[in-house]
Amino acid sequence: MKSNIKKKSVIRDWIESIIIALILALFIRTFIVQAFKIPTGSMRMTLLEGDRILVNKFIYGAKIPFTNFRLPALRDIKRGDVIVFISPEDTRKDFIKRVVGLPGEKVQIKDLRVYINGRPLEEGGFAHRNYYNRGEFGEEGKVIEVPKDAYYVLGDNSFSSRDSRYWGFVPKKYVLGKAFLIYWPLTRLRIIQ
């Protein structure tokens, strides 16, 4: 009889440990950090196809599942942040791009450069990238105003990136988090800038 009780106790301990581990994993993935794999070359040379990255979900205020509420943010989304977000075209997909235009700003792409409120964007390496005119929201010289609670995002490899130039803006509610680390392959281990 003692042996059966002991076996049940060991099995119960294992089941409790597994359940606690699953709950912790779900909590961490939902509110703190999530891993993603880069499927395309739209962010070359910052991110390459196959890179595995970690995304900080709490920095902008993680979304509470099954609600429209978010936790309080640690900071606002800034120009130059590499963000993961739900695709405005297909909400079953997640995209990763760099924030270029902030709410209320006027964005223009001309002569392979991005202009914000009429001035060329030169901060954070933007001056060293070429941005091609493509799509309805990226026509040569067209001035686009970013709506409140939305962002204009571009891939670092704008020649092969489907981004805000095509489908417009990323609503703040679609932002999942900030990409901060390439963790695989180990030869590419680094902080994302």
C-alpha atoms as a PDB file:
ATOM      1  CA  MET A   1       0.000   0.000   0.000  1.00  0.00           C
ATOM      2  CA  LYS A   2       2.820   2.420   0.873  1.00  0.00           C
ATOM      3  CA  SER A   3       4.455   1.733  -2.496  1.00  0.00           C
ATOM      4  CA  ASN A   4       1.303   2.753  -4.409  1.00  0.00           C
ATOM      5  CA  ILE A   5       0.981   5.958  -2.403  1.00  0.00           C
ATOM      6  CA  LYS A   6       4.631   6.769  -3.060  1.00  0.00           C
ATOM      7  CA  LYS A   7       4.204   6.122  -6.826  1.00  0.00           C
ATOM      8  CA  LYS A   8       1.131   8.356  -6.940  1.00  0.00           C
ATOM      9  CA  SER A   9       3.035  11.063  -5.064  1.00  0.00           C
ATOM     10  CA  VAL A  10       5.954  10.931  -7.542  1.00  0.00           C
ATOM     11  CA  ILE A  11       3.607  11.009 -10.555  1.00  0.00           C
ATOM     12  CA  ARG A  12       1.648  13.875  -9.018  1.00  0.00           C
ATOM     13  CA  ASP A  13       4.893  15.820  -8.405  1.00  0.00           C
ATOM     14  CA  TRP A  14       5.933  15.330 -12.052  1.00  0.00           C
ATOM     15  CA  ILE A  15       2.529  16.446 -13.359  1.00  0.00           C
ATOM     16  CA  GLU A  16       2.543  19.529 -11.113  1.00  0.00           C
ATOM     17  CA  SER A  17       6.076  20.419 -12.255  1.00  0.00           C
ATOM     18  CA  ILE A  18       5.122  20.074 -15.931  1.00  0.00           C
ATOM     19  CA  ILE A  19       1.984  22.186 -15.503  1.00  0.00           C
ATOM     20  CA  ILE A  20       3.893  24.920 -13.646  1.00  0.00           C
ATOM     21  CA  ALA A  21       6.614  24.912 -16.348  1.00  0.00           C
ATOM     22  CA  LEU A  22       3.983  25.244 -19.105  1.00  0.00           C
ATOM     23  CA  ILE A  23       2.223  28.108 -17.318  1.00  0.00           C
ATOM     24  CA  LEU A  24       5.541  29.934 -16.819  1.00  0.00           C
ATOM     25  CA  ALA A  25       6.516  29.393 -20.470  1.00  0.00           C
ATOM     26  CA  LEU A  26       3.168  30.746 -21.678  1.00  0.00           C
ATOM     27  CA  PHE A  27       3.417  33.738 -19.342  1.00  0.00           C
ATOM     28  CA  ILE A  28       6.961  34.560 -20.511  1.00  0.00           C
ATOM     29  CA  ARG A  29       6.038  34.155 -24.207  1.00  0.00           C
ATOM     30  CA  THR A  30       2.879  36.252 -23.860  1.00  0.00           C
ATOM     31  CA  PHE A  31       4.164  39.128 -21.731  1.00  0.00           C
ATOM     32  CA  ILE A  32       7.972  39.204 -21.665  1.00  0.00           C
ATOM     33  CA  VAL A  33       9.926  37.756 -24.596  1.00  0.00           C
ATOM     34  CA  GLN A  34       9.170  35.704 -27.706  1.00  0.00           C
ATOM     35  CA  ALA A  35      11.396  34.024 -30.267  1.00  0.00           C
ATOM     36  CA  PHE A  36      10.925  34.547 -34.011  1.00  0.00           C
ATOM     37  CA  LYS A  37      12.658  33.272 -37.155  1.00  0.00           C
ATOM     38  CA  ILE A  38      13.433  35.649 -40.041  1.00  0.00           C
ATOM     39  CA  PRO A  39      11.868  34.230 -43.240  1.00  0.00           C
ATOM     40  CA  THR A  40      12.954  36.770 -45.898  1.00  0.00           C
ATOM     41  CA  GLY A  41      15.733  39.173 -46.848  1.00  0.00           C
ATOM     42  CA  SER A  42      13.663  42.338 -46.374  1.00  0.00           C
ATOM     43  CA  MET A  43      15.841  43.439 -43.433  1.00  0.00           C
ATOM     44  CA  ARG A  44      19.242  42.604 -44.961  1.00  0.00           C
ATOM     45  CA  MET A  45      21.966  43.340 -43.733  1.00  0.00           C
ATOM     46  CA  THR A  46      20.596  43.894 -40.241  1.00  0.00           C
ATOM     47  CA  LEU A  47      18.809  40.529 -40.243  1.00  0.00           C
ATOM     48  CA  LEU A  48      19.416  37.622 -42.595  1.00  0.00           C
ATOM     49  CA  GLU A  49      17.107  34.827 -43.686  1.00  0.00           C
ATOM     50  CA  GLY A  50      17.147  32.118 -41.015  1.00  0.00           C
ATOM     51  CA  ASP A  51      18.303  34.375 -38.174  1.00  0.00           C
ATOM     52  CA  ARG A  52      16.490  33.590 -34.943  1.00  0.00           C
ATOM     53  CA  ILE A  53      15.719  36.596 -32.815  1.00  0.00           C
ATOM     54  CA  LEU A  54      14.243  37.503 -29.444  1.00  0.00           C
ATOM     55  CA  VAL A  55      11.555  40.169 -29.186  1.00  0.00           C
ATOM     56  CA  ASN A  56      10.945  42.216 -26.041  1.00  0.00           C
ATOM     57  CA  LYS A  57       7.153  42.280 -25.628  1.00  0.00           C
ATOM     58  CA  PHE A  58       6.877  44.287 -22.396  1.00  0.00           C
ATOM     59  CA  ILE A  59       8.844  47.378 -23.506  1.00  0.00           C
ATOM     60  CA  TYR A  60       5.860  48.809 -25.437  1.00  0.00           C
ATOM     61  CA  GLY A  61       3.256  47.232 -23.157  1.00  0.00           C
ATOM     62  CA  ALA A  62       2.349  43.619 -23.923  1.00  0.00           C
ATOM     63  CA  LYS A  63      -1.161  42.951 -25.185  1.00  0.00           C
ATOM     64  CA  ILE A  64      -3.400  41.057 -22.781  1.00  0.00           C
ATOM     65  CA  PRO A  65      -4.757  38.040 -24.699  1.00  0.00           C
ATOM     66  CA  PHE A  66      -8.431  38.025 -25.749  1.00  0.00           C
ATOM     67  CA  THR A  67      -8.812  41.730 -24.885  1.00  0.00           C
ATOM     68  CA  ASN A  68      -8.012  45.107 -26.423  1.00  0.00           C
ATOM     69  CA  PHE A  69      -5.970  46.098 -23.369  1.00  0.00           C
ATOM     70  CA  ARG A  70      -2.209  46.427 -23.020  1.00  0.00           C
ATOM     71  CA  LEU A  71       0.025  46.500 -19.984  1.00  0.00           C
ATOM     72  CA  PRO A  72       1.704  49.865 -19.279  1.00  0.00           C
ATOM     73  CA  ALA A  73       4.639  50.548 -21.618  1.00  0.00           C
ATOM     74  CA  LEU A  74       8.170  51.169 -20.372  1.00  0.00           C
ATOM     75  CA  ARG A  75       8.767  53.581 -23.254  1.00  0.00           C
ATOM     76  CA  ASP A  76       7.268  54.797 -26.518  1.00  0.00           C
ATOM     77  CA  ILE A  77       8.165  53.400 -29.914  1.00  0.00           C
ATOM     78  CA  LYS A  78      11.062  55.407 -31.375  1.00  0.00           C
ATOM     79  CA  ARG A  79      12.316  56.019 -34.880  1.00  0.00           C
ATOM     80  CA  GLY A  80      14.916  53.404 -35.747  1.00  0.00           C
ATOM     81  CA  ASP A  81      13.399  50.676 -33.543  1.00  0.00           C
ATOM     82  CA  VAL A  82      13.169  47.300 -35.268  1.00  0.00           C
ATOM     83  CA  ILE A  83       9.681  46.065 -34.424  1.00  0.00           C
ATOM     84  CA  VAL A  84       7.674  42.891 -34.902  1.00  0.00           C
ATOM     85  CA  PHE A  85       4.017  43.481 -35.699  1.00  0.00           C
ATOM     86  CA  ILE A  86       0.925  41.828 -37.092  1.00  0.00           C
ATOM     87  CA  SER A  87       0.722  42.342 -40.844  1.00  0.00           C
ATOM     88  CA  PRO A  88      -1.904  44.949 -41.783  1.00  0.00           C
ATOM     89  CA  GLU A  89      -2.564  42.906 -44.961  1.00  0.00           C
ATOM     90  CA  ASP A  90      -2.861  39.450 -43.398  1.00  0.00           C
ATOM     91  CA  THR A  91      -3.412  39.311 -39.637  1.00  0.00           C
ATOM     92  CA  ARG A  92      -2.258  35.667 -39.554  1.00  0.00           C
ATOM     93  CA  LYS A  93       1.317  36.776 -40.322  1.00  0.00           C
ATOM     94  CA  ASP A  94       3.911  38.682 -38.320  1.00  0.00           C
ATOM     95  CA  PHE A  95       6.328  41.120 -40.007  1.00  0.00           C
ATOM     96  CA  ILE A  96       9.550  42.766 -38.895  1.00  0.00           C
ATOM     97  CA  LYS A  97      10.579  46.232 -40.103  1.00  0.00           C
ATOM     98  CA  ARG A  98      12.271  49.423 -38.928  1.00  0.00           C
ATOM     99  CA  VAL A  99      10.209  52.373 -37.677  1.00  0.00           C
ATOM    100  CA  VAL A 100      10.732  55.422 -39.892  1.00  0.00           C
ATOM    101  CA  GLY A 101       7.703  57.688 -39.428  1.00  0.00           C
ATOM    102  CA  LEU A 102       6.053  58.450 -36.088  1.00  0.00           C
ATOM    103  CA  PRO A 103       2.441  59.540 -35.464  1.00  0.00           C
ATOM    104  CA  GLY A 104       1.698  62.976 -36.946  1.00  0.00           C
ATOM    105  CA  GLU A 105       4.879  63.164 -39.055  1.00  0.00           C
ATOM    106  CA  LYS A 106       4.958  63.713 -42.804  1.00  0.00           C
ATOM    107  CA  VAL A 107       7.041  61.099 -44.651  1.00  0.00           C
ATOM    108  CA  GLN A 108       8.348  61.456 -48.190  1.00  0.00           C
ATOM    109  CA  ILE A 109      10.679  59.285 -50.280  1.00  0.00           C
ATOM    110  CA  LYS A 110      12.567  61.006 -53.085  1.00  0.00           C
ATOM    111  CA  ASP A 111      15.975  60.634 -54.689  1.00  0.00           C
ATOM    112  CA  LEU A 112      16.496  57.364 -52.729  1.00  0.00           C
ATOM    113  CA  ARG A 113      16.215  59.241 -49.409  1.00  0.00           C
ATOM    114  CA  VAL A 114      13.570  59.453 -46.703  1.00  0.00           C
ATOM    115  CA  TYR A 115      12.393  62.898 -45.624  1.00  0.00           C
ATOM    116  CA  ILE A 116      10.568  63.572 -42.365  1.00  0.00           C
ATOM    117  CA  ASN A 117       8.621  66.840 -42.216  1.00  0.00           C
ATOM    118  CA  GLY A 118      10.598  68.093 -45.247  1.00  0.00           C
ATOM    119  CA  ARG A 119      14.062  67.308 -43.853  1.00  0.00           C
ATOM    120  CA  PRO A 120      16.291  64.409 -44.958  1.00  0.00           C
ATOM    121  CA  LEU A 121      16.456  61.615 -42.413  1.00  0.00           C
ATOM    122  CA  GLU A 122      20.093  61.140 -41.443  1.00  0.00           C
ATOM    123  CA  GLU A 123      20.003  59.754 -37.907  1.00  0.00           C
ATOM    124  CA  GLY A 124      20.650  56.122 -37.012  1.00  0.00           C
ATOM    125  CA  GLY A 125      22.141  54.992 -40.296  1.00  0.00           C
ATOM    126  CA  PHE A 126      19.195  56.110 -42.455  1.00  0.00           C
ATOM    127  CA  ALA A 127      21.492  58.326 -44.548  1.00  0.00           C
ATOM    128  CA  HIS A 128      23.486  55.256 -45.631  1.00  0.00           C
ATOM    129  CA  ARG A 129      20.524  53.286 -46.996  1.00  0.00           C
ATOM    130  CA  ASN A 130      18.751  53.703 -50.313  1.00  0.00           C
ATOM    131  CA  TYR A 131      14.970  53.717 -50.260  1.00  0.00           C
ATOM    132  CA  TYR A 132      13.224  52.977 -53.533  1.00  0.00           C
ATOM    133  CA  ASN A 133       9.904  54.414 -54.621  1.00  0.00           C
ATOM    134  CA  ARG A 134       7.360  51.629 -54.713  1.00  0.00           C
ATOM    135  CA  GLY A 135       3.680  51.211 -53.958  1.00  0.00           C
ATOM    136  CA  GLU A 136       0.863  53.637 -53.303  1.00  0.00           C
ATOM    137  CA  PHE A 137       2.442  55.034 -50.104  1.00  0.00           C
ATOM    138  CA  GLY A 138       5.952  55.329 -51.517  1.00  0.00           C
ATOM    139  CA  GLU A 139       5.533  57.153 -54.818  1.00  0.00           C
ATOM    140  CA  GLU A 140       8.330  59.548 -55.780  1.00  0.00           C
ATOM    141  CA  GLY A 141       7.831  62.841 -53.954  1.00  0.00           C
ATOM    142  CA  LYS A 142       4.429  61.921 -52.475  1.00  0.00           C
ATOM    143  CA  VAL A 143       4.015  63.267 -48.927  1.00  0.00           C
ATOM    144  CA  ILE A 144       2.282  60.843 -46.552  1.00  0.00           C
ATOM    145  CA  GLU A 145       1.040  61.894 -43.103  1.00  0.00           C
ATOM    146  CA  VAL A 146       1.279  59.193 -40.450  1.00  0.00           C
ATOM    147  CA  PRO A 147      -2.021  58.901 -38.549  1.00  0.00           C
ATOM    148  CA  LYS A 148      -2.303  59.111 -34.775  1.00  0.00           C
ATOM    149  CA  ASP A 149      -1.462  55.763 -33.092  1.00  0.00           C
ATOM    150  CA  ALA A 150       0.247  54.414 -36.230  1.00  0.00           C
ATOM    151  CA  TYR A 151       3.758  54.082 -37.682  1.00  0.00           C
ATOM    152  CA  TYR A 152       5.400  54.150 -41.109  1.00  0.00           C
ATOM    153  CA  VAL A 153       7.875  51.254 -41.358  1.00  0.00           C
ATOM    154  CA  LEU A 154      10.419  50.202 -43.967  1.00  0.00           C
ATOM    155  CA  GLY A 155      12.606  47.188 -44.498  1.00  0.00           C
ATOM    156  CA  ASP A 156      16.339  47.900 -44.415  1.00  0.00           C
ATOM    157  CA  ASN A 157      16.571  46.188 -47.821  1.00  0.00           C
ATOM    158  CA  SER A 158      13.941  48.354 -49.471  1.00  0.00           C
ATOM    159  CA  PHE A 159      14.569  46.836 -52.907  1.00  0.00           C
ATOM    160  CA  SER A 160      12.939  43.572 -51.744  1.00  0.00           C
ATOM    161  CA  SER A 161      10.706  44.618 -48.868  1.00  0.00           C
ATOM    162  CA  ARG A 162       6.932  44.746 -48.751  1.00  0.00           C
ATOM    163  CA  ASP A 163       6.362  47.492 -46.205  1.00  0.00           C
ATOM    164  CA  SER A 164       4.498  50.754 -45.535  1.00  0.00           C
ATOM    165  CA  ARG A 165       5.160  51.885 -49.103  1.00  0.00           C
ATOM    166  CA  TYR A 166       2.620  49.256 -50.221  1.00  0.00           C
ATOM    167  CA  TRP A 167       0.040  48.923 -47.449  1.00  0.00           C
ATOM    168  CA  GLY A 168       0.330  52.114 -45.468  1.00  0.00           C
ATOM    169  CA  PHE A 169       0.677  52.222 -41.720  1.00  0.00           C
ATOM    170  CA  VAL A 170       1.093  49.865 -38.768  1.00  0.00           C
ATOM    171  CA  PRO A 171      -1.537  50.560 -36.098  1.00  0.00           C
ATOM    172  CA  LYS A 172      -0.003  50.700 -32.619  1.00  0.00           C
ATOM    173  CA  LYS A 173      -2.356  47.898 -31.525  1.00  0.00           C
ATOM    174  CA  TYR A 174      -0.620  45.576 -34.055  1.00  0.00           C
ATOM    175  CA  VAL A 175       2.865  46.090 -32.569  1.00  0.00           C
ATOM    176  CA  LEU A 176       4.038  42.963 -30.743  1.00  0.00           C
ATOM    177  CA  GLY A 177       7.411  44.164 -29.509  1.00  0.00           C
ATOM    178  CA  LYS A 178      10.961  45.338 -30.168  1.00  0.00           C
ATOM    179  CA  ALA A 179      13.504  42.973 -31.694  1.00  0.00           C
ATOM    180  CA  PHE A 180      16.613  43.117 -29.519  1.00  0.00           C
ATOM    181  CA  LEU A 181      18.836  40.056 -30.017  1.00  0.00           C
ATOM    182  CA  ILE A 182      19.950  37.643 -32.730  1.00  0.00           C
ATOM    183  CA  TYR A 183      20.605  34.428 -30.799  1.00  0.00           C
ATOM    184  CA  TRP A 184      21.071  31.966 -33.673  1.00  0.00           C
ATOM    185  CA  PRO A 185      23.214  31.151 -35.533  1.00  0.00           C
ATOM    186  CA  LEU A 186      25.869  31.696 -32.894  1.00  0.00           C
ATOM    187  CA  THR A 187      28.181  33.290 -35.463  1.00  0.00           C
ATOM    188  CA  ARG A 188      25.640  36.132 -35.723  1.00  0.00           C
ATOM    189  CA  LEU A 189      24.964  36.521 -31.985  1.00  0.00           C
ATOM    190  CA  ARG A 190      24.458  40.256 -31.409  1.00  0.00           C
ATOM    191  CA  ILE A 191      22.219  43.055 -30.190  1.00  0.00           C
ATOM    192  CA  ILE A 192      19.928  44.357 -32.955  1.00  0.00           C
ATOM    193  CA  GLN A 193      20.425  48.030 -33.771  1.00  0.00           C
END
